[in-house]
Each structure stands twice: as structure tokens, then as C-alpha cells.
PDB file of N, CA and C in Angstrom:
ATOM      1  N   MET A   1     -79.117  76.982 186.869  1.00  0.00           N
ATOM      2  CA  MET A   1     -77.792  76.275 187.166  1.00  0.00           C
ATOM      3  C   MET A   1     -78.537  74.744 187.569  1.00  0.00           C
ATOM      4  N   GLN A   2     -78.760  73.596 186.793  1.00  0.00           N
ATOM      5  CA  GLN A   2     -79.242  72.348 186.899  1.00  0.00           C
ATOM      6  C   GLN A   2     -79.080  71.439 188.272  1.00  0.00           C
ATOM      7  N   VAL A   3     -79.734  70.845 189.080  1.00  0.00           N
ATOM      8  CA  VAL A   3     -79.694  70.090 190.342  1.00  0.00           C
ATOM      9  C   VAL A   3     -79.629  68.886 190.183  1.00  0.00           C
ATOM     10  N   PRO A   4     -78.986  67.981 189.982  1.00  0.00           N
ATOM     11  CA  PRO A   4     -78.384  66.449 188.993  1.00  0.00           C
ATOM     12  C   PRO A   4     -79.420  65.488 189.939  1.00  0.00           C
ATOM     13  N   ASP A   5     -79.934  64.791 189.207  1.00  0.00           N
ATOM     14  CA  ASP A   5     -81.468  63.741 189.674  1.00  0.00           C
ATOM     15  C   ASP A   5     -79.997  62.939 190.797  1.00  0.00           C
ATOM     16  N   ARG A   6     -81.080  62.581 191.699  1.00  0.00           N
ATOM     17  CA  ARG A   6     -80.792  61.780 192.917  1.00  0.00           C
ATOM     18  C   ARG A   6     -81.271  60.510 192.054  1.00  0.00           C
ATOM     19  N   LYS A   7     -79.971  59.478 192.009  1.00  0.00           N
ATOM     20  CA  LYS A   7     -80.548  58.238 192.120  1.00  0.00           C
ATOM     21  C   LYS A   7     -79.834  57.307 192.451  1.00  0.00           C
ATOM     22  N   GLU A   8     -80.605  56.232 193.003  1.00  0.00           N
ATOM     23  CA  GLU A   8     -80.415  55.485 194.030  1.00  0.00           C
ATOM     24  C   GLU A   8     -79.581  54.658 193.563  1.00  0.00           C
ATOM     25  N   SER A   9     -78.420  54.003 194.280  1.00  0.00           N
ATOM     26  CA  SER A   9     -77.431  52.404 193.629  1.00  0.00           C
ATOM     27  C   SER A   9     -78.249  51.894 194.435  1.00  0.00           C
ATOM     28  N   PRO A  10     -78.099  50.367 193.745  1.00  0.00           N
ATOM     29  CA  PRO A  10     -78.635  49.086 194.010  1.00  0.00           C
ATOM     30  C   PRO A  10     -78.624  48.809 195.615  1.00  0.00           C
ATOM     31  N   SER A  11     -77.722  49.384 196.162  1.00  0.00           N
ATOM     32  CA  SER A  11     -77.581  48.741 197.248  1.00  0.00           C
ATOM     33  C   SER A  11     -78.265  49.424 198.600  1.00  0.00           C
ATOM     34  N   GLN A  12     -78.823  50.536 197.959  1.00  0.00           N
ATOM     35  CA  GLN A  12     -79.519  51.790 198.395  1.00  0.00           C
ATOM     36  C   GLN A  12     -80.952  51.195 198.513  1.00  0.00           C
ATOM     37  N   SER A  13     -81.353  50.837 197.205  1.00  0.00           N
ATOM     38  CA  SER A  13     -82.851  50.755 197.003  1.00  0.00           C
ATOM     39  C   SER A  13     -83.333  49.451 197.647  1.00  0.00           C
ATOM     40  N   ALA A  14     -82.661  48.742 198.297  1.00  0.00           N
ATOM     41  CA  ALA A  14     -83.265  47.790 198.951  1.00  0.00           C
ATOM     42  C   ALA A  14     -83.406  48.124 201.010  1.00  0.00           C
ATOM     43  N   SER A  15     -84.356  48.036 200.968  1.00  0.00           N
ATOM     44  CA  SER A  15     -84.790  48.461 202.226  1.00  0.00           C
ATOM     45  C   SER A  15     -84.239  47.443 202.901  1.00  0.00           C
ATOM     46  N   VAL A  16     -84.218  48.493 204.315  1.00  0.00           N
ATOM     47  CA  VAL A  16     -84.405  47.345 205.776  1.00  0.00           C
ATOM     48  C   VAL A  16     -85.142  46.662 206.056  1.00  0.00           C
ATOM     49  N   SER A  17     -86.380  47.001 205.527  1.00  0.00           N
ATOM     50  CA  SER A  17     -87.508  46.580 206.363  1.00  0.00           C
ATOM     51  C   SER A  17     -88.198  45.202 204.998  1.00  0.00           C
ATOM     52  N   SER A  18     -87.561  45.211 203.850  1.00  0.00           N
ATOM     53  CA  SER A  18     -87.828  44.120 203.468  1.00  0.00           C
ATOM     54  C   SER A  18     -87.929  42.624 203.951  1.00  0.00           C
ATOM     55  N   PRO A  19     -88.526  41.561 202.908  1.00  0.00           N
ATOM     56  CA  PRO A  19     -88.725  40.805 203.712  1.00  0.00           C
ATOM     57  C   PRO A  19     -87.704  39.496 204.125  1.00  0.00           C
ATOM     58  N   ASP A  20     -86.380  39.981 203.210  1.00  0.00           N
ATOM     59  CA  ASP A  20     -85.155  39.398 203.212  1.00  0.00           C
ATOM     60  C   ASP A  20     -84.631  39.738 204.860  1.00  0.00           C
ATOM     61  N   GLN A  21     -84.616  41.315 204.951  1.00  0.00           N
ATOM     62  CA  GLN A  21     -84.061  41.734 205.517  1.00  0.00           C
ATOM     63  C   GLN A  21     -84.526  42.093 206.684  1.00  0.00           C
ATOM     64  N   ALA A  22     -85.668  41.741 207.303  1.00  0.00           N
ATOM     65  CA  ALA A  22     -86.738  42.481 208.460  1.00  0.00           C
ATOM     66  C   ALA A  22     -86.381  41.800 209.514  1.00  0.00           C
ATOM     67  N   ASP A  23     -85.686  40.646 209.914  1.00  0.00           N
ATOM     68  CA  ASP A  23     -84.760  40.122 211.212  1.00  0.00           C
ATOM     69  C   ASP A  23     -83.497  39.504 210.992  1.00  0.00           C
ATOM     70  N   ALA A  24     -82.467  40.137 210.200  1.00  0.00           N
ATOM     71  CA  ALA A  24     -81.545  39.646 210.042  1.00  0.00           C
ATOM     72  C   ALA A  24     -80.820  38.889 210.915  1.00  0.00           C
ATOM     73  N   PRO A  25     -80.862  39.236 212.364  1.00  0.00           N
ATOM     74  CA  PRO A  25     -80.164  38.616 213.364  1.00  0.00           C
ATOM     75  C   PRO A  25     -80.724  37.105 213.649  1.00  0.00           C
ATOM     76  N   LEU A  26     -81.665  37.690 213.706  1.00  0.00           N
ATOM     77  CA  LEU A  26     -82.503  36.004 213.817  1.00  0.00           C
ATOM     78  C   LEU A  26     -82.677  35.242 212.550  1.00  0.00           C
ATOM     79  N   ARG A  27     -82.296  35.557 212.045  1.00  0.00           N
ATOM     80  CA  ARG A  27     -82.285  35.084 210.298  1.00  0.00           C
ATOM     81  C   ARG A  27     -80.782  34.290 210.529  1.00  0.00           C
ATOM     82  N   ALA A  28     -79.855  34.517 211.079  1.00  0.00           N
ATOM     83  CA  ALA A  28     -78.307  34.563 210.980  1.00  0.00           C
ATOM     84  C   ALA A  28     -78.184  33.422 212.316  1.00  0.00           C
ATOM     85  N   ILE A  29     -79.428  33.400 213.290  1.00  0.00           N
ATOM     86  CA  ILE A  29     -79.158  32.273 214.301  1.00  0.00           C
ATOM     87  C   ILE A  29     -79.663  30.979 213.795  1.00  0.00           C
ATOM     88  N   ALA A  30     -81.008  31.459 212.817  1.00  0.00           N
ATOM     89  CA  ALA A  30     -81.640  30.314 212.411  1.00  0.00           C
ATOM     90  C   ALA A  30     -80.645  29.204 211.440  1.00  0.00           C
ATOM     91  N   TYR A  31     -79.880  30.539 210.563  1.00  0.00           N
ATOM     92  CA  TYR A  31     -79.025  29.831 209.459  1.00  0.00           C
ATOM     93  C   TYR A  31     -77.555  29.237 210.141  1.00  0.00           C
ATOM     94  N   SER A  32     -77.249  29.478 211.215  1.00  0.00           N
ATOM     95  CA  SER A  32     -76.412  28.907 212.004  1.00  0.00           C
ATOM     96  C   SER A  32     -77.012  27.873 213.011  1.00  0.00           C
ATOM     97  N   LEU A  33     -78.053  27.543 213.329  1.00  0.00           N
ATOM     98  CA  LEU A  33     -78.561  26.107 213.973  1.00  0.00           C
ATOM     99  C   LEU A  33     -78.573  25.081 212.876  1.00  0.00           C
ATOM    100  N   ASP A  34     -79.052  25.948 211.394  1.00  0.00           N
ATOM    101  CA  ASP A  34     -79.155  24.582 210.632  1.00  0.00           C
ATOM    102  C   ASP A  34     -78.381  24.191 209.987  1.00  0.00           C
ATOM    103  N   ALA A  35     -77.661  24.984 209.817  1.00  0.00           N
ATOM    104  CA  ALA A  35     -75.871  23.850 209.416  1.00  0.00           C
ATOM    105  C   ALA A  35     -75.238  23.880 210.605  1.00  0.00           C
ATOM    106  N   LEU A  36     -75.738  23.545 211.424  1.00  0.00           N
ATOM    107  CA  LEU A  36     -75.378  23.301 213.017  1.00  0.00           C
ATOM    108  C   LEU A  36     -74.157  23.704 212.931  1.00  0.00           C
ATOM    109  N   ILE A  37     -73.685  24.836 212.880  1.00  0.00           N
ATOM    110  CA  ILE A  37     -72.116  25.955 212.978  1.00  0.00           C
ATOM    111  C   ILE A  37     -71.859  26.492 214.508  1.00  0.00           C
ATOM    112  N   PRO A  38     -70.900  25.341 215.336  1.00  0.00           N
ATOM    113  CA  PRO A  38     -70.256  26.164 216.586  1.00  0.00           C
ATOM    114  C   PRO A  38     -70.971  27.487 217.315  1.00  0.00           C
ATOM    115  N   GLY A  39     -71.673  27.306 218.476  1.00  0.00           N
ATOM    116  CA  GLY A  39     -71.672  28.986 218.869  1.00  0.00           C
ATOM    117  C   GLY A  39     -72.614  28.254 220.585  1.00  0.00           C
ATOM    118  N   PHE A  40     -72.856  29.811 220.576  1.00  0.00           N
ATOM    119  CA  PHE A  40     -73.961  29.820 221.529  1.00  0.00           C
ATOM    120  C   PHE A  40     -74.832  30.882 220.618  1.00  0.00           C
ATOM    121  N   TYR A  41     -75.894  30.921 221.000  1.00  0.00           N
ATOM    122  CA  TYR A  41     -77.367  31.560 220.334  1.00  0.00           C
ATOM    123  C   TYR A  41     -78.579  31.515 221.876  1.00  0.00           C
ATOM    124  N   PHE A  42     -78.808  33.035 221.730  1.00  0.00           N
ATOM    125  CA  PHE A  42     -79.946  33.334 222.558  1.00  0.00           C
ATOM    126  C   PHE A  42     -80.924  34.148 222.093  1.00  0.00           C
ATOM    127  N   TRP A  43     -81.983  33.996 222.255  1.00  0.00           N
ATOM    128  CA  TRP A  43     -82.937  35.032 221.378  1.00  0.00           C
ATOM    129  C   TRP A  43     -84.313  35.434 221.897  1.00  0.00           C
ATOM    130  N   LEU A  44     -84.985  36.290 222.936  1.00  0.00           N
ATOM    131  CA  LEU A  44     -85.594  36.596 223.542  1.00  0.00           C
ATOM    132  C   LEU A  44     -86.338  38.204 223.266  1.00  0.00           C
ATOM    133  N   GLY A  45     -87.433  37.991 222.005  1.00  0.00           N
ATOM    134  CA  GLY A  45     -88.247  39.321 221.505  1.00  0.00           C
ATOM    135  C   GLY A  45     -87.045  40.039 220.666  1.00  0.00           C
ATOM    136  N   ALA A  46     -86.861  41.343 221.355  1.00  0.00           N
ATOM    137  CA  ALA A  46     -86.187  41.779 220.428  1.00  0.00           C
ATOM    138  C   ALA A  46     -84.424  41.940 220.891  1.00  0.00           C
ATOM    139  N   ILE A  47     -84.345  41.211 221.405  1.00  0.00           N
ATOM    140  CA  ILE A  47     -82.868  40.891 221.987  1.00  0.00           C
ATOM    141  C   ILE A  47     -82.253  39.516 221.200  1.00  0.00           C
ATOM    142  N   LYS A  48     -81.412  39.854 220.444  1.00  0.00           N
ATOM    143  CA  LYS A  48     -80.927  38.756 219.863  1.00  0.00           C
ATOM    144  C   LYS A  48     -79.181  38.277 219.945  1.00  0.00           C
ATOM    145  N   ILE A  49     -78.718  37.288 220.420  1.00  0.00           N
ATOM    146  CA  ILE A  49     -77.180  37.085 220.910  1.00  0.00           C
ATOM    147  C   ILE A  49     -76.674  35.855 219.917  1.00  0.00           C
ATOM    148  N   ARG A  50     -76.062  36.023 219.789  1.00  0.00           N
ATOM    149  CA  ARG A  50     -74.921  35.473 218.477  1.00  0.00           C
ATOM    150  C   ARG A  50     -73.283  35.364 219.025  1.00  0.00           C
ATOM    151  N   LEU A  51     -72.879  34.508 219.213  1.00  0.00           N
ATOM    152  CA  LEU A  51     -71.775  34.593 220.032  1.00  0.00           C
ATOM    153  C   LEU A  51     -71.236  33.052 219.250  1.00  0.00           C
ATOM    154  N   GLY A  52     -70.413  33.327 217.797  1.00  0.00           N
ATOM    155  CA  GLY A  52     -69.678  31.860 216.944  1.00  0.00           C
ATOM    156  C   GLY A  52     -71.015  32.269 215.799  1.00  0.00           C
ATOM    157  N   GLY A  53     -71.020  31.074 215.242  1.00  0.00           N
ATOM    158  CA  GLY A  53     -71.849  31.093 214.263  1.00  0.00           C
ATOM    159  C   GLY A  53     -71.638  31.620 212.718  1.00  0.00           C
ATOM    160  N   SER A  54     -72.347  32.280 212.139  1.00  0.00           N
ATOM    161  CA  SER A  54     -72.569  32.731 210.998  1.00  0.00           C
ATOM    162  C   SER A  54     -73.688  33.505 210.555  1.00  0.00           C
ATOM    163  N   LEU A  55     -73.134  34.736 209.589  1.00  0.00           N
ATOM    164  CA  LEU A  55     -74.426  35.660 208.974  1.00  0.00           C
ATOM    165  C   LEU A  55     -75.084  34.770 207.926  1.00  0.00           C
ATOM    166  N   ALA A  56     -76.215  34.700 207.770  1.00  0.00           N
ATOM    167  CA  ALA A  56     -77.398  33.871 206.966  1.00  0.00           C
ATOM    168  C   ALA A  56     -76.975  34.196 205.378  1.00  0.00           C
ATOM    169  N   GLU A  57     -76.607  33.463 204.584  1.00  0.00           N
ATOM    170  CA  GLU A  57     -76.172  33.775 203.181  1.00  0.00           C
ATOM    171  C   GLU A  57     -77.778  34.712 202.683  1.00  0.00           C
ATOM    172  N   ASN A  58     -77.652  34.935 201.399  1.00  0.00           N
ATOM    173  CA  ASN A  58     -78.561  36.293 201.296  1.00  0.00           C
ATOM    174  C   ASN A  58     -79.809  35.529 200.370  1.00  0.00           C
ATOM    175  N   THR A  59     -79.697  34.296 200.073  1.00  0.00           N
ATOM    176  CA  THR A  59     -80.504  33.387 199.487  1.00  0.00           C
ATOM    177  C   THR A  59     -81.623  32.697 200.747  1.00  0.00           C
ATOM    178  N   TYR A  60     -80.502  32.377 201.821  1.00  0.00           N
ATOM    179  CA  TYR A  60     -81.631  31.791 203.053  1.00  0.00           C
ATOM    180  C   TYR A  60     -82.918  32.337 203.292  1.00  0.00           C
ATOM    181  N   PRO A  61     -84.019  31.461 203.370  1.00  0.00           N
ATOM    182  CA  PRO A  61     -85.391  31.710 203.359  1.00  0.00           C
ATOM    183  C   PRO A  61     -85.335  31.890 205.139  1.00  0.00           C
ATOM    184  N   GLY A  62     -84.537  30.567 205.507  1.00  0.00           N
ATOM    185  CA  GLY A  62     -85.450  30.275 206.915  1.00  0.00           C
ATOM    186  C   GLY A  62     -85.539  31.128 208.218  1.00  0.00           C
ATOM    187  N   THR A  63     -86.083  30.833 208.950  1.00  0.00           N
ATOM    188  CA  THR A  63     -86.123  31.762 210.253  1.00  0.00           C
ATOM    189  C   THR A  63     -86.751  31.009 211.376  1.00  0.00           C
ATOM    190  N   ILE A  64     -86.924  32.012 212.598  1.00  0.00           N
ATOM    191  CA  ILE A  64     -87.598  31.006 213.894  1.00  0.00           C
ATOM    192  C   ILE A  64     -88.471  31.309 214.227  1.00  0.00           C
ATOM    193  N   HIS A  65     -89.341  30.549 214.335  1.00  0.00           N
ATOM    194  CA  HIS A  65     -90.821  30.680 214.798  1.00  0.00           C
ATOM    195  C   HIS A  65     -91.429  30.780 216.212  1.00  0.00           C
ATOM    196  N   SER A  66     -90.314  31.173 216.938  1.00  0.00           N
ATOM    197  CA  SER A  66     -90.340  31.129 218.196  1.00  0.00           C
ATOM    198  C   SER A  66     -89.763  32.227 218.954  1.00  0.00           C
ATOM    199  N   PRO A  67     -90.511  33.143 219.693  1.00  0.00           N
ATOM    200  CA  PRO A  67     -90.125  34.537 220.128  1.00  0.00           C
ATOM    201  C   PRO A  67     -88.990  34.459 221.317  1.00  0.00           C
ATOM    202  N   VAL A  68     -88.583  33.425 222.009  1.00  0.00           N
ATOM    203  CA  VAL A  68     -87.929  32.950 222.734  1.00  0.00           C
ATOM    204  C   VAL A  68     -87.297  31.407 223.059  1.00  0.00           C
ATOM    205  N   GLY A  69     -85.584  31.577 223.035  1.00  0.00           N
ATOM    206  CA  GLY A  69     -85.013  30.435 222.878  1.00  0.00           C
ATOM    207  C   GLY A  69     -83.985  30.534 222.904  1.00  0.00           C
ATOM    208  N   ILE A  70     -82.696  29.257 223.231  1.00  0.00           N
ATOM    209  CA  ILE A  70     -81.691  29.534 223.645  1.00  0.00           C
ATOM    210  C   ILE A  70     -81.130  27.955 223.217  1.00  0.00           C
ATOM    211  N   ALA A  71     -79.788  28.247 222.856  1.00  0.00           N
ATOM    212  CA  ALA A  71     -79.208  26.947 221.852  1.00  0.00           C
ATOM    213  C   ALA A  71     -77.747  27.009 221.831  1.00  0.00           C
ATOM    214  N   VAL A  72     -77.436  25.950 221.949  1.00  0.00           N
ATOM    215  CA  VAL A  72     -75.448  25.284 222.025  1.00  0.00           C
ATOM    216  C   VAL A  72     -75.050  24.934 220.989  1.00  0.00           C
ATOM    217  N   VAL A  73     -74.174  24.641 220.024  1.00  0.00           N
ATOM    218  CA  VAL A  73     -73.729  23.777 219.063  1.00  0.00           C
ATOM    219  C   VAL A  73     -72.427  23.698 219.390  1.00  0.00           C
ATOM    220  N   LEU A  74     -72.037  22.486 219.395  1.00  0.00           N
ATOM    221  CA  LEU A  74     -70.750  22.130 219.816  1.00  0.00           C
ATOM    222  C   LEU A  74     -70.015  21.351 218.686  1.00  0.00           C
ATOM    223  N   PRO A  75     -68.696  21.477 218.595  1.00  0.00           N
ATOM    224  CA  PRO A  75     -68.026  20.883 217.718  1.00  0.00           C
ATOM    225  C   PRO A  75     -68.158  19.000 217.630  1.00  0.00           C
ATOM    226  N   GLY A  76     -67.910  18.968 216.255  1.00  0.00           N
ATOM    227  CA  GLY A  76     -68.779  17.232 216.318  1.00  0.00           C
ATOM    228  C   GLY A  76     -70.087  17.454 216.195  1.00  0.00           C
ATOM    229  N   TYR A  77     -71.240  18.283 215.701  1.00  0.00           N
ATOM    230  CA  TYR A  77     -72.326  18.616 215.244  1.00  0.00           C
ATOM    231  C   TYR A  77     -73.535  18.290 216.686  1.00  0.00           C
ATOM    232  N   ARG A  78     -72.999  18.319 217.775  1.00  0.00           N
ATOM    233  CA  ARG A  78     -73.516  17.926 218.623  1.00  0.00           C
ATOM    234  C   ARG A  78     -74.210  19.542 219.310  1.00  0.00           C
ATOM    235  N   ILE A  79     -75.977  19.549 219.263  1.00  0.00           N
ATOM    236  CA  ILE A  79     -76.617  20.400 219.744  1.00  0.00           C
ATOM    237  C   ILE A  79     -77.229  20.315 220.663  1.00  0.00           C
ATOM    238  N   TYR A  80     -77.579  21.517 221.591  1.00  0.00           N
ATOM    239  CA  TYR A  80     -78.640  21.475 222.799  1.00  0.00           C
ATOM    240  C   TYR A  80     -79.453  22.695 222.594  1.00  0.00           C
ATOM    241  N   SER A  81     -80.832  22.664 222.500  1.00  0.00           N
ATOM    242  CA  SER A  81     -81.694  23.737 221.783  1.00  0.00           C
ATOM    243  C   SER A  81     -82.939  23.616 222.464  1.00  0.00           C
ATOM    244  N   THR A  82     -83.653  24.569 223.075  1.00  0.00           N
ATOM    245  CA  THR A  82     -84.931  24.702 223.490  1.00  0.00           C
ATOM    246  C   THR A  82     -86.023  24.556 222.319  1.00  0.00           C
ATOM    247  N   TYR A  83     -85.438  25.241 220.866  1.00  0.00           N
ATOM    248  CA  TYR A  83     -86.287  25.340 219.903  1.00  0.00           C
ATOM    249  C   TYR A  83     -86.571  23.976 219.438  1.00  0.00           C
ATOM    250  N   GLN A  84     -87.671  23.540 218.782  1.00  0.00           N
ATOM    251  CA  GLN A  84     -87.582  22.391 218.096  1.00  0.00           C
ATOM    252  C   GLN A  84     -88.366  22.178 217.141  1.00  0.00           C
ATOM    253  N   GLY A  85     -88.898  23.512 216.384  1.00  0.00           N
ATOM    254  CA  GLY A  85     -89.484  23.614 215.206  1.00  0.00           C
ATOM    255  C   GLY A  85     -88.818  23.852 214.091  1.00  0.00           C
ATOM    256  N   SER A  86     -88.909  24.079 213.015  1.00  0.00           N
ATOM    257  CA  SER A  86     -88.920  23.960 211.572  1.00  0.00           C
ATOM    258  C   SER A  86     -87.841  25.576 211.225  1.00  0.00           C
ATOM    259  N   TYR A  87     -86.855  25.532 210.535  1.00  0.00           N
ATOM    260  CA  TYR A  87     -86.522  26.944 209.830  1.00  0.00           C
ATOM    261  C   TYR A  87     -87.432  27.240 208.376  1.00  0.00           C
ATOM    262  N   ASP A  88     -88.229  26.602 208.226  1.00  0.00           N
ATOM    263  CA  ASP A  88     -88.817  26.851 207.088  1.00  0.00           C
ATOM    264  C   ASP A  88     -89.473  28.155 207.074  1.00  0.00           C
ATOM    265  N   PRO A  89     -89.743  28.921 206.236  1.00  0.00           N
ATOM    266  CA  PRO A  89     -90.380  30.697 206.160  1.00  0.00           C
ATOM    267  C   PRO A  89     -91.926  29.972 206.528  1.00  0.00           C
TER     268      PRO A  89
END
């Protein structure tokens, strides 16, 4: 009896620890702030809270370079944030 080879599908071959998916919640916050999508955003180390906003696009390379921050984006492109850095990688 032969056992078929286990082949990984393309979706399984991408590991969660790849650079693009290393910190998806923080990338989603960075994307939402960068695109001025209304919502409430909070990050503190491993704790990341995003109320509103959007998931980051697969091609979005940005991130947040601060371990702690809070931000509110209101309709009409009003942003109030403790983060003043760049979203560039």
C-alpha cells in the first residue's frame, strides 16, 4: 500500500512567521492610520485593539515603529494620535 505524498497547498506554504504576516494586527493598525480609515486604535506590546479600520492589503509594507500608542481617526480625516513616526518599513 502506497501512502500519497503530502503536498502543501499555496495557502499552507506561507508560514505565519513570514515578514509579511509577522504582526498582522499591527500592520492593520498602520494601514488604517495611513489610509485615515475611521476607528479607534490601541497598541501596547502584544495587546493590539482595532475598533473600525480595515485589514492591511497583502502588498502593504508599512508598520508602526513604536511599542505603545493610541489613535482615533474621525470621519472627515481628523486624526488624533500619540504616534508621530513613519509607517515605512
